[in-house]
Amino acid sequence: MTTPLYPTFRKSVDDAIEQLIKQKVTPWSFLTAGHPFRIKSFDGRQIAYEGVGFGGSPRQVFWSRYIEPFLEDLCVSEITVAMSMAREKRVDAKLLLPELQGLLSAGFRKVYARMADVDRLLMGKGFPDSVEPKPIGQVRAMDKFLDERIRAEIAMWKPKSRIEDWYEKNKFWVWAIGILLSILLGIVGLLANLG
């Protein structure tokens, strides 16, 4: 059984992965289409090629930490949102975070599978079946990155104590009783001084 926040994060991660593929992976398919190829890296620098094949420098850029900063940023932002929502909605983050980890890990695989498709298309010069799929070792590194962050957040997770939870629900009464006690103690002190 999943947490009540699972559908929210399934949609969020699926949408983010689809956008990442659409904006940062699929455009590489058109590298050799004859038009200047331009795409931005995670740090905002422009990657530009014109009149070249995919083998060599473009392929090296494509597979050498081009996509990982985008995936790492997605991990960090989704984990941050998950922790915030877990507190706000009173969902145990120790249950939510492993669910999120599974969603993100599946998303990594989807991104790398699409990258492998683009690689085969470009290396095969339009005939992807003529090229063996590239082994994708980056998935393990991304899973390790994600696992470290999830473990750290779980280790730091501290659900509210019963007292904190009770106080959160009864702030007004604590405040009102405190004011009434101050007034009563002031009156008692005043009467003691008069008597």
N, C-alpha and C. Protein backbone atom coordinates (compact mmCIF):
# COMPACT_ATOMS: atom_id res chain seq x y z
N MET A 1 0.84 -1.19 0.00
CA MET A 1 0.00 0.00 0.00
C MET A 1 0.88 1.24 0.00
N THR A 2 0.48 2.23 -0.75
CA THR A 2 1.27 3.45 -0.86
C THR A 2 0.74 4.54 0.07
N THR A 3 1.56 5.57 0.25
CA THR A 3 1.12 6.70 1.07
C THR A 3 0.11 7.53 0.27
N PRO A 4 -0.65 8.39 0.95
CA PRO A 4 -1.61 9.24 0.23
C PRO A 4 -0.93 10.23 -0.73
N LEU A 5 0.36 10.50 -0.54
CA LEU A 5 1.06 11.44 -1.40
C LEU A 5 1.67 10.78 -2.65
N TYR A 6 1.61 9.46 -2.72
CA TYR A 6 2.21 8.76 -3.86
C TYR A 6 1.69 9.25 -5.21
N PRO A 7 0.36 9.39 -5.40
CA PRO A 7 -0.13 9.85 -6.71
C PRO A 7 0.39 11.25 -7.07
N THR A 8 0.52 12.10 -6.08
CA THR A 8 1.03 13.46 -6.32
C THR A 8 2.45 13.40 -6.86
N PHE A 9 3.29 12.60 -6.24
CA PHE A 9 4.69 12.52 -6.65
C PHE A 9 4.86 11.69 -7.92
N ARG A 10 4.00 10.72 -8.15
CA ARG A 10 4.07 9.97 -9.40
C ARG A 10 3.84 10.93 -10.57
N LYS A 11 2.84 11.78 -10.45
CA LYS A 11 2.54 12.75 -11.52
C LYS A 11 3.68 13.76 -11.65
N SER A 12 4.15 14.28 -10.55
CA SER A 12 5.21 15.28 -10.57
C SER A 12 6.49 14.74 -11.22
N VAL A 13 6.91 13.55 -10.82
CA VAL A 13 8.13 12.95 -11.38
C VAL A 13 7.92 12.59 -12.84
N ASP A 14 6.78 11.97 -13.18
CA ASP A 14 6.51 11.60 -14.57
C ASP A 14 6.55 12.84 -15.48
N ASP A 15 5.90 13.92 -15.03
CA ASP A 15 5.88 15.15 -15.83
C ASP A 15 7.28 15.73 -15.99
N ALA A 16 8.06 15.75 -14.92
CA ALA A 16 9.41 16.30 -14.97
C ALA A 16 10.31 15.47 -15.89
N ILE A 17 10.18 14.15 -15.84
CA ILE A 17 10.98 13.28 -16.69
C ILE A 17 10.60 13.48 -18.16
N GLU A 18 9.31 13.57 -18.44
CA GLU A 18 8.86 13.79 -19.82
C GLU A 18 9.39 15.11 -20.36
N GLN A 19 9.35 16.16 -19.54
CA GLN A 19 9.87 17.46 -19.97
C GLN A 19 11.38 17.40 -20.21
N LEU A 20 12.08 16.72 -19.33
CA LEU A 20 13.53 16.60 -19.48
C LEU A 20 13.89 15.87 -20.78
N ILE A 21 13.18 14.80 -21.07
CA ILE A 21 13.42 14.06 -22.32
C ILE A 21 13.11 14.96 -23.52
N LYS A 22 11.97 15.63 -23.46
CA LYS A 22 11.54 16.47 -24.57
C LYS A 22 12.51 17.63 -24.82
N GLN A 23 12.98 18.26 -23.75
CA GLN A 23 13.80 19.46 -23.90
C GLN A 23 15.30 19.20 -24.00
N LYS A 24 15.79 18.11 -23.38
CA LYS A 24 17.24 17.93 -23.28
C LYS A 24 17.78 16.66 -23.94
N VAL A 25 16.91 15.73 -24.32
CA VAL A 25 17.39 14.50 -24.95
C VAL A 25 16.95 14.43 -26.41
N THR A 26 15.66 14.51 -26.67
CA THR A 26 15.14 14.38 -28.02
C THR A 26 15.76 15.36 -29.02
N PRO A 27 16.02 16.61 -28.65
CA PRO A 27 16.64 17.53 -29.62
C PRO A 27 17.96 17.02 -30.22
N TRP A 28 18.68 16.18 -29.48
CA TRP A 28 19.93 15.62 -30.02
C TRP A 28 19.68 14.77 -31.25
N SER A 29 18.48 14.25 -31.40
CA SER A 29 18.15 13.44 -32.58
C SER A 29 18.35 14.23 -33.87
N PHE A 30 18.29 15.55 -33.79
CA PHE A 30 18.36 16.41 -34.96
C PHE A 30 19.75 17.02 -35.16
N LEU A 31 20.74 16.49 -34.45
CA LEU A 31 22.11 17.00 -34.55
C LEU A 31 22.61 17.01 -35.99
N THR A 32 22.31 15.98 -36.74
CA THR A 32 22.84 15.86 -38.10
C THR A 32 21.81 16.25 -39.17
N ALA A 33 20.77 16.97 -38.78
CA ALA A 33 19.69 17.33 -39.72
C ALA A 33 20.08 18.44 -40.68
N GLY A 34 21.26 19.02 -40.51
CA GLY A 34 21.70 20.05 -41.43
C GLY A 34 21.61 21.46 -40.90
N HIS A 35 20.83 21.64 -39.88
CA HIS A 35 20.71 22.97 -39.26
C HIS A 35 21.69 23.07 -38.10
N PRO A 36 22.08 24.30 -37.74
CA PRO A 36 22.93 24.43 -36.54
C PRO A 36 22.22 23.83 -35.33
N PHE A 37 22.95 23.07 -34.56
CA PHE A 37 22.39 22.43 -33.34
C PHE A 37 22.83 23.25 -32.14
N ARG A 38 21.86 23.65 -31.32
CA ARG A 38 22.16 24.41 -30.12
C ARG A 38 21.28 23.92 -28.98
N ILE A 39 21.91 23.71 -27.84
CA ILE A 39 21.17 23.29 -26.64
C ILE A 39 21.95 23.78 -25.43
N LYS A 40 21.24 24.08 -24.36
CA LYS A 40 21.91 24.60 -23.16
C LYS A 40 22.20 23.47 -22.18
N SER A 41 23.39 23.53 -21.59
CA SER A 41 23.74 22.59 -20.53
C SER A 41 23.11 23.09 -19.24
N PHE A 42 23.24 22.31 -18.19
CA PHE A 42 22.61 22.66 -16.91
C PHE A 42 23.11 23.99 -16.37
N ASP A 43 24.39 24.28 -16.57
CA ASP A 43 24.95 25.53 -16.05
C ASP A 43 24.70 26.73 -16.97
N GLY A 44 23.90 26.53 -18.02
CA GLY A 44 23.51 27.62 -18.89
C GLY A 44 24.42 27.83 -20.09
N ARG A 45 25.51 27.10 -20.14
CA ARG A 45 26.40 27.23 -21.30
C ARG A 45 25.75 26.59 -22.52
N GLN A 46 26.04 27.18 -23.66
CA GLN A 46 25.46 26.66 -24.89
C GLN A 46 26.37 25.61 -25.50
N ILE A 47 25.74 24.50 -25.87
CA ILE A 47 26.42 23.45 -26.62
C ILE A 47 25.99 23.66 -28.07
N ALA A 48 26.96 23.82 -28.96
CA ALA A 48 26.61 24.12 -30.36
C ALA A 48 27.47 23.29 -31.31
N TYR A 49 26.82 22.72 -32.33
CA TYR A 49 27.50 21.97 -33.38
C TYR A 49 26.85 22.30 -34.71
N GLU A 50 27.67 22.23 -35.76
CA GLU A 50 27.13 22.42 -37.10
C GLU A 50 28.01 21.66 -38.08
N GLY A 51 27.37 20.89 -38.94
CA GLY A 51 28.09 20.18 -39.98
C GLY A 51 28.99 19.06 -39.48
N VAL A 52 28.64 18.45 -38.36
CA VAL A 52 29.46 17.35 -37.83
C VAL A 52 28.58 16.12 -37.64
N GLY A 53 29.22 14.98 -37.55
CA GLY A 53 28.51 13.75 -37.22
C GLY A 53 28.44 13.60 -35.70
N PHE A 54 27.77 12.59 -35.26
CA PHE A 54 27.58 12.37 -33.83
C PHE A 54 28.82 11.77 -33.18
N GLY A 55 29.55 10.93 -33.90
CA GLY A 55 30.73 10.29 -33.33
C GLY A 55 31.76 11.34 -32.94
N GLY A 56 32.55 11.04 -31.94
CA GLY A 56 33.57 11.98 -31.49
C GLY A 56 33.05 12.92 -30.42
N SER A 57 33.36 14.20 -30.58
CA SER A 57 33.04 15.20 -29.56
C SER A 57 31.56 15.26 -29.18
N PRO A 58 30.63 15.34 -30.15
CA PRO A 58 29.22 15.41 -29.75
C PRO A 58 28.77 14.22 -28.90
N ARG A 59 29.20 13.04 -29.30
CA ARG A 59 28.81 11.84 -28.55
C ARG A 59 29.42 11.86 -27.14
N GLN A 60 30.66 12.32 -27.06
CA GLN A 60 31.33 12.40 -25.76
C GLN A 60 30.61 13.39 -24.85
N VAL A 61 30.22 14.54 -25.39
CA VAL A 61 29.49 15.54 -24.61
C VAL A 61 28.14 14.96 -24.16
N PHE A 62 27.46 14.30 -25.07
CA PHE A 62 26.14 13.72 -24.79
C PHE A 62 26.18 12.74 -23.61
N TRP A 63 27.25 11.94 -23.54
CA TRP A 63 27.34 10.90 -22.51
C TRP A 63 28.21 11.29 -21.31
N SER A 64 28.84 12.44 -21.32
CA SER A 64 29.76 12.81 -20.23
C SER A 64 29.16 13.88 -19.33
N ARG A 65 28.35 13.48 -18.41
CA ARG A 65 27.74 14.36 -17.41
C ARG A 65 26.95 15.52 -18.01
N TYR A 66 26.35 15.28 -19.15
CA TYR A 66 25.45 16.28 -19.73
C TYR A 66 24.11 16.23 -19.01
N ILE A 67 23.52 15.04 -18.87
CA ILE A 67 22.17 14.92 -18.33
C ILE A 67 22.16 14.81 -16.80
N GLU A 68 23.23 14.33 -16.20
CA GLU A 68 23.24 14.07 -14.76
C GLU A 68 22.93 15.30 -13.89
N PRO A 69 23.46 16.49 -14.19
CA PRO A 69 23.08 17.64 -13.34
C PRO A 69 21.58 17.92 -13.34
N PHE A 70 20.92 17.69 -14.47
CA PHE A 70 19.47 17.87 -14.53
C PHE A 70 18.77 16.84 -13.63
N LEU A 71 19.23 15.60 -13.68
CA LEU A 71 18.64 14.54 -12.86
C LEU A 71 18.91 14.78 -11.38
N GLU A 72 20.12 15.20 -11.05
CA GLU A 72 20.46 15.48 -9.64
C GLU A 72 19.60 16.62 -9.10
N ASP A 73 19.41 17.65 -9.90
CA ASP A 73 18.57 18.77 -9.48
C ASP A 73 17.13 18.32 -9.26
N LEU A 74 16.64 17.46 -10.13
CA LEU A 74 15.29 16.92 -9.98
C LEU A 74 15.18 16.15 -8.67
N CYS A 75 16.18 15.33 -8.36
CA CYS A 75 16.18 14.57 -7.10
C CYS A 75 16.09 15.51 -5.90
N VAL A 76 16.97 16.48 -5.87
CA VAL A 76 17.04 17.41 -4.73
C VAL A 76 15.72 18.16 -4.57
N SER A 77 15.18 18.66 -5.67
CA SER A 77 13.94 19.43 -5.56
C SER A 77 12.75 18.55 -5.16
N GLU A 78 12.64 17.35 -5.71
CA GLU A 78 11.52 16.47 -5.35
C GLU A 78 11.62 16.01 -3.89
N ILE A 79 12.83 15.74 -3.43
CA ILE A 79 13.01 15.34 -2.03
C ILE A 79 12.63 16.49 -1.10
N THR A 80 13.03 17.70 -1.45
CA THR A 80 12.69 18.87 -0.63
C THR A 80 11.18 19.04 -0.53
N VAL A 81 10.51 18.93 -1.66
CA VAL A 81 9.05 19.06 -1.67
C VAL A 81 8.42 17.93 -0.88
N ALA A 82 8.94 16.72 -1.03
CA ALA A 82 8.39 15.57 -0.30
C ALA A 82 8.50 15.77 1.21
N MET A 83 9.64 16.25 1.67
CA MET A 83 9.83 16.46 3.11
C MET A 83 8.85 17.52 3.62
N SER A 84 8.70 18.58 2.88
CA SER A 84 7.78 19.65 3.26
C SER A 84 6.33 19.14 3.31
N MET A 85 5.94 18.42 2.27
CA MET A 85 4.57 17.90 2.23
C MET A 85 4.33 16.84 3.30
N ALA A 86 5.34 16.04 3.59
CA ALA A 86 5.19 15.02 4.64
C ALA A 86 4.87 15.69 5.97
N ARG A 87 5.58 16.77 6.27
CA ARG A 87 5.31 17.49 7.53
C ARG A 87 3.93 18.14 7.50
N GLU A 88 3.65 18.82 6.40
CA GLU A 88 2.38 19.55 6.27
C GLU A 88 1.18 18.61 6.32
N LYS A 89 1.26 17.49 5.64
CA LYS A 89 0.12 16.57 5.53
C LYS A 89 0.16 15.44 6.55
N ARG A 90 1.18 15.47 7.40
CA ARG A 90 1.35 14.46 8.45
C ARG A 90 1.44 13.04 7.88
N VAL A 91 2.32 12.92 6.88
CA VAL A 91 2.61 11.63 6.27
C VAL A 91 4.02 11.24 6.69
N ASP A 92 4.22 9.99 7.07
CA ASP A 92 5.53 9.55 7.52
C ASP A 92 6.52 9.55 6.35
N ALA A 93 7.52 10.41 6.45
CA ALA A 93 8.52 10.53 5.39
C ALA A 93 9.31 9.23 5.22
N LYS A 94 9.40 8.43 6.27
CA LYS A 94 10.11 7.15 6.16
C LYS A 94 9.39 6.19 5.22
N LEU A 95 8.12 6.44 4.99
CA LEU A 95 7.35 5.64 4.02
C LEU A 95 7.31 6.34 2.65
N LEU A 96 7.19 7.66 2.67
CA LEU A 96 7.08 8.43 1.44
C LEU A 96 8.39 8.44 0.64
N LEU A 97 9.51 8.62 1.31
CA LEU A 97 10.78 8.76 0.59
C LEU A 97 11.18 7.52 -0.22
N PRO A 98 11.00 6.29 0.30
CA PRO A 98 11.29 5.14 -0.56
C PRO A 98 10.38 5.07 -1.80
N GLU A 99 9.14 5.51 -1.66
CA GLU A 99 8.25 5.57 -2.82
C GLU A 99 8.81 6.55 -3.85
N LEU A 100 9.22 7.71 -3.38
CA LEU A 100 9.78 8.72 -4.26
C LEU A 100 11.06 8.20 -4.91
N GLN A 101 11.85 7.48 -4.15
CA GLN A 101 13.09 6.91 -4.68
C GLN A 101 12.78 5.98 -5.85
N GLY A 102 11.78 5.14 -5.70
CA GLY A 102 11.40 4.24 -6.79
C GLY A 102 10.94 4.98 -8.03
N LEU A 103 10.17 6.06 -7.82
CA LEU A 103 9.69 6.85 -8.95
C LEU A 103 10.85 7.53 -9.69
N LEU A 104 11.76 8.12 -8.92
CA LEU A 104 12.90 8.80 -9.54
C LEU A 104 13.82 7.81 -10.25
N SER A 105 14.06 6.67 -9.63
CA SER A 105 14.92 5.66 -10.24
C SER A 105 14.33 5.17 -11.56
N ALA A 106 13.03 4.95 -11.59
CA ALA A 106 12.37 4.54 -12.84
C ALA A 106 12.49 5.66 -13.88
N GLY A 107 12.41 6.89 -13.43
CA GLY A 107 12.58 8.03 -14.33
C GLY A 107 13.97 8.08 -14.93
N PHE A 108 14.99 7.79 -14.12
CA PHE A 108 16.37 7.75 -14.63
C PHE A 108 16.46 6.75 -15.78
N ARG A 109 15.91 5.57 -15.56
CA ARG A 109 15.99 4.52 -16.56
C ARG A 109 15.31 4.94 -17.87
N LYS A 110 14.22 5.65 -17.73
CA LYS A 110 13.49 6.13 -18.90
C LYS A 110 14.35 7.15 -19.68
N VAL A 111 14.98 8.07 -18.97
CA VAL A 111 15.84 9.07 -19.61
C VAL A 111 17.00 8.39 -20.33
N TYR A 112 17.69 7.49 -19.63
CA TYR A 112 18.84 6.82 -20.23
C TYR A 112 18.44 5.91 -21.39
N ALA A 113 17.27 5.29 -21.31
CA ALA A 113 16.80 4.46 -22.43
C ALA A 113 16.56 5.34 -23.66
N ARG A 114 15.99 6.52 -23.44
CA ARG A 114 15.77 7.44 -24.58
C ARG A 114 17.11 7.93 -25.13
N MET A 115 18.08 8.19 -24.24
CA MET A 115 19.40 8.60 -24.69
C MET A 115 20.04 7.49 -25.54
N ALA A 116 19.87 6.25 -25.10
CA ALA A 116 20.42 5.12 -25.86
C ALA A 116 19.76 5.02 -27.23
N ASP A 117 18.46 5.30 -27.30
CA ASP A 117 17.76 5.30 -28.59
C ASP A 117 18.33 6.38 -29.52
N VAL A 118 18.54 7.58 -28.97
CA VAL A 118 19.11 8.68 -29.76
C VAL A 118 20.51 8.30 -30.22
N ASP A 119 21.30 7.71 -29.34
CA ASP A 119 22.66 7.29 -29.67
C ASP A 119 22.64 6.30 -30.84
N ARG A 120 21.78 5.32 -30.76
CA ARG A 120 21.69 4.30 -31.83
C ARG A 120 21.25 4.93 -33.15
N LEU A 121 20.29 5.86 -33.09
CA LEU A 121 19.79 6.52 -34.28
C LEU A 121 20.92 7.31 -34.96
N LEU A 122 21.66 8.07 -34.16
CA LEU A 122 22.72 8.91 -34.72
C LEU A 122 23.94 8.10 -35.15
N MET A 123 24.33 7.13 -34.36
CA MET A 123 25.50 6.30 -34.72
C MET A 123 25.18 5.43 -35.93
N GLY A 124 23.93 5.03 -36.07
CA GLY A 124 23.52 4.20 -37.21
C GLY A 124 23.13 5.03 -38.42
N LYS A 125 23.28 6.35 -38.30
CA LYS A 125 22.96 7.27 -39.42
C LYS A 125 21.55 7.01 -39.96
N GLY A 126 20.62 6.93 -39.03
CA GLY A 126 19.22 6.72 -39.41
C GLY A 126 18.79 5.26 -39.39
N PHE A 127 19.72 4.36 -39.15
CA PHE A 127 19.40 2.92 -39.09
C PHE A 127 19.80 2.40 -37.71
N PRO A 128 18.98 2.67 -36.70
CA PRO A 128 19.34 2.32 -35.32
C PRO A 128 19.57 0.83 -35.10
N ASP A 129 18.89 -0.02 -35.87
CA ASP A 129 19.04 -1.46 -35.67
C ASP A 129 20.41 -1.97 -36.11
N SER A 130 21.15 -1.13 -36.83
CA SER A 130 22.49 -1.53 -37.27
C SER A 130 23.55 -1.30 -36.20
N VAL A 131 23.14 -0.74 -35.07
CA VAL A 131 24.08 -0.39 -33.99
C VAL A 131 23.65 -1.10 -32.70
N GLU A 132 24.62 -1.68 -32.03
CA GLU A 132 24.35 -2.29 -30.72
C GLU A 132 24.01 -1.20 -29.71
N PRO A 133 23.06 -1.46 -28.82
CA PRO A 133 22.75 -0.47 -27.78
C PRO A 133 23.97 -0.22 -26.89
N LYS A 134 24.15 1.04 -26.53
CA LYS A 134 25.26 1.42 -25.67
C LYS A 134 24.94 0.97 -24.24
N PRO A 135 25.90 0.30 -23.57
CA PRO A 135 25.67 -0.03 -22.16
C PRO A 135 25.61 1.26 -21.34
N ILE A 136 24.68 1.32 -20.43
CA ILE A 136 24.46 2.56 -19.68
C ILE A 136 24.85 2.34 -18.21
N GLY A 137 26.08 2.65 -17.89
CA GLY A 137 26.57 2.53 -16.52
C GLY A 137 26.16 3.70 -15.64
N GLN A 138 25.72 4.79 -16.26
CA GLN A 138 25.37 5.99 -15.49
C GLN A 138 24.18 5.77 -14.56
N VAL A 139 23.33 4.80 -14.88
CA VAL A 139 22.16 4.54 -14.04
C VAL A 139 22.60 4.18 -12.61
N ARG A 140 23.62 3.37 -12.49
CA ARG A 140 24.09 2.97 -11.15
C ARG A 140 24.58 4.18 -10.36
N ALA A 141 25.32 5.06 -11.03
CA ALA A 141 25.83 6.26 -10.35
C ALA A 141 24.68 7.16 -9.91
N MET A 142 23.67 7.31 -10.75
CA MET A 142 22.52 8.14 -10.38
C MET A 142 21.72 7.49 -9.25
N ASP A 143 21.56 6.17 -9.29
CA ASP A 143 20.86 5.48 -8.21
C ASP A 143 21.61 5.64 -6.89
N LYS A 144 22.94 5.62 -6.95
CA LYS A 144 23.75 5.82 -5.75
C LYS A 144 23.57 7.23 -5.21
N PHE A 145 23.60 8.22 -6.09
CA PHE A 145 23.38 9.62 -5.70
C PHE A 145 22.04 9.75 -4.99
N LEU A 146 21.00 9.19 -5.59
CA LEU A 146 19.66 9.25 -5.03
C LEU A 146 19.57 8.53 -3.69
N ASP A 147 20.14 7.33 -3.62
CA ASP A 147 20.09 6.54 -2.40
C ASP A 147 20.74 7.28 -1.22
N GLU A 148 21.86 7.94 -1.48
CA GLU A 148 22.54 8.70 -0.42
C GLU A 148 21.66 9.81 0.11
N ARG A 149 20.97 10.51 -0.78
CA ARG A 149 20.11 11.61 -0.35
C ARG A 149 18.89 11.10 0.40
N ILE A 150 18.32 10.03 -0.08
CA ILE A 150 17.14 9.46 0.59
C ILE A 150 17.52 8.97 1.99
N ARG A 151 18.63 8.25 2.11
CA ARG A 151 19.08 7.76 3.42
C ARG A 151 19.34 8.90 4.39
N ALA A 152 19.96 9.97 3.90
CA ALA A 152 20.26 11.12 4.75
C ALA A 152 18.97 11.76 5.26
N GLU A 153 18.00 11.93 4.39
CA GLU A 153 16.72 12.54 4.81
C GLU A 153 15.97 11.64 5.79
N ILE A 154 16.00 10.34 5.55
CA ILE A 154 15.34 9.43 6.48
C ILE A 154 16.02 9.47 7.84
N ALA A 155 17.34 9.54 7.85
CA ALA A 155 18.08 9.60 9.12
C ALA A 155 17.75 10.88 9.89
N MET A 156 17.50 11.97 9.17
CA MET A 156 17.21 13.26 9.83
C MET A 156 15.73 13.44 10.15
N TRP A 157 14.88 12.59 9.57
CA TRP A 157 13.43 12.74 9.76
C TRP A 157 13.05 12.59 11.21
N LYS A 158 12.33 13.55 11.69
CA LYS A 158 11.85 13.51 13.07
C LYS A 158 10.40 13.96 13.03
N PRO A 159 9.49 13.02 13.13
CA PRO A 159 8.09 13.45 13.15
C PRO A 159 7.82 14.25 14.42
N LYS A 160 6.80 15.05 14.38
CA LYS A 160 6.45 15.86 15.54
C LYS A 160 6.10 14.96 16.73
N SER A 161 6.54 15.38 17.90
CA SER A 161 6.17 14.65 19.12
C SER A 161 4.69 14.90 19.40
N ARG A 162 4.14 14.13 20.32
CA ARG A 162 2.74 14.31 20.69
C ARG A 162 2.49 15.70 21.24
N ILE A 163 3.45 16.19 22.01
CA ILE A 163 3.30 17.52 22.61
C ILE A 163 3.32 18.59 21.51
N GLU A 164 4.26 18.47 20.56
CA GLU A 164 4.32 19.43 19.46
C GLU A 164 3.04 19.37 18.62
N ASP A 165 2.55 18.18 18.39
CA ASP A 165 1.34 18.00 17.62
C ASP A 165 0.15 18.61 18.36
N TRP A 166 0.06 18.33 19.67
CA TRP A 166 -1.03 18.89 20.47
C TRP A 166 -0.96 20.41 20.49
N TYR A 167 0.25 20.95 20.68
CA TYR A 167 0.42 22.41 20.70
C TYR A 167 0.01 23.02 19.37
N GLU A 168 0.38 22.38 18.28
CA GLU A 168 0.04 22.87 16.95
C GLU A 168 -1.48 22.98 16.80
N LYS A 169 -2.21 22.03 17.36
CA LYS A 169 -3.67 22.02 17.24
C LYS A 169 -4.34 22.96 18.23
N ASN A 170 -3.64 23.30 19.32
CA ASN A 170 -4.26 24.09 20.39
C ASN A 170 -3.52 25.39 20.71
N LYS A 171 -2.87 25.99 19.77
CA LYS A 171 -2.09 27.22 19.99
C LYS A 171 -2.94 28.31 20.63
N PHE A 172 -4.12 28.49 20.10
CA PHE A 172 -4.98 29.56 20.61
C PHE A 172 -5.25 29.39 22.10
N TRP A 173 -5.60 28.16 22.51
CA TRP A 173 -5.95 27.94 23.91
C TRP A 173 -4.73 28.12 24.82
N VAL A 174 -3.58 27.70 24.37
CA VAL A 174 -2.36 27.90 25.16
C VAL A 174 -2.11 29.39 25.34
N TRP A 175 -2.26 30.14 24.29
CA TRP A 175 -2.07 31.59 24.33
C TRP A 175 -3.10 32.24 25.25
N ALA A 176 -4.39 31.86 25.07
CA ALA A 176 -5.48 32.45 25.87
C ALA A 176 -5.32 32.13 27.36
N ILE A 177 -4.99 30.89 27.68
CA ILE A 177 -4.81 30.50 29.09
C ILE A 177 -3.61 31.25 29.69
N GLY A 178 -2.56 31.42 28.90
CA GLY A 178 -1.39 32.16 29.36
C GLY A 178 -1.73 33.59 29.71
N ILE A 179 -2.53 34.23 28.90
CA ILE A 179 -2.94 35.62 29.17
C ILE A 179 -3.83 35.66 30.41
N LEU A 180 -4.79 34.75 30.52
CA LEU A 180 -5.68 34.72 31.69
C LEU A 180 -4.89 34.49 32.97
N LEU A 181 -3.92 33.56 32.94
CA LEU A 181 -3.09 33.32 34.13
C LEU A 181 -2.29 34.56 34.50
N SER A 182 -1.78 35.28 33.53
CA SER A 182 -1.03 36.51 33.80
C SER A 182 -1.92 37.55 34.46
N ILE A 183 -3.13 37.68 33.95
CA ILE A 183 -4.08 38.64 34.53
C ILE A 183 -4.42 38.23 35.96
N LEU A 184 -4.74 36.95 36.16
CA LEU A 184 -5.09 36.47 37.51
C LEU A 184 -3.93 36.65 38.49
N LEU A 185 -2.72 36.32 38.07
CA LEU A 185 -1.56 36.49 38.94
C LEU A 185 -1.32 37.97 39.25
N GLY A 186 -1.59 38.83 38.28
CA GLY A 186 -1.46 40.27 38.51
C GLY A 186 -2.48 40.75 39.53
N ILE A 187 -3.71 40.26 39.43
CA ILE A 187 -4.76 40.63 40.38
C ILE A 187 -4.43 40.11 41.79
N VAL A 188 -3.98 38.86 41.88
CA VAL A 188 -3.61 38.28 43.18
C VAL A 188 -2.47 39.09 43.79
N GLY A 189 -1.48 39.45 42.98
CA GLY A 189 -0.36 40.25 43.48
C GLY A 189 -0.82 41.60 43.94
N LEU A 190 -1.73 42.25 43.22
CA LEU A 190 -2.27 43.54 43.58
C LEU A 190 -3.05 43.46 44.90
N LEU A 191 -3.86 42.42 45.06
CA LEU A 191 -4.64 42.23 46.29
C LEU A 191 -3.74 41.96 47.48
N ALA A 192 -2.65 41.21 47.25
CA ALA A 192 -1.70 40.92 48.33
C ALA A 192 -1.02 42.19 48.79
N ASN A 193 -0.73 43.09 47.88
CA ASN A 193 -0.10 44.36 48.24
C ASN A 193 -1.07 45.29 48.95
N LEU A 194 -2.35 45.22 48.67
CA LEU A 194 -3.36 46.05 49.34
C LEU A 194 -3.68 45.54 50.74
N GLY A 195 -3.57 44.30 50.94
CA GLY A 195 -4.00 43.69 52.19
C GLY A 195 -2.97 43.57 53.19
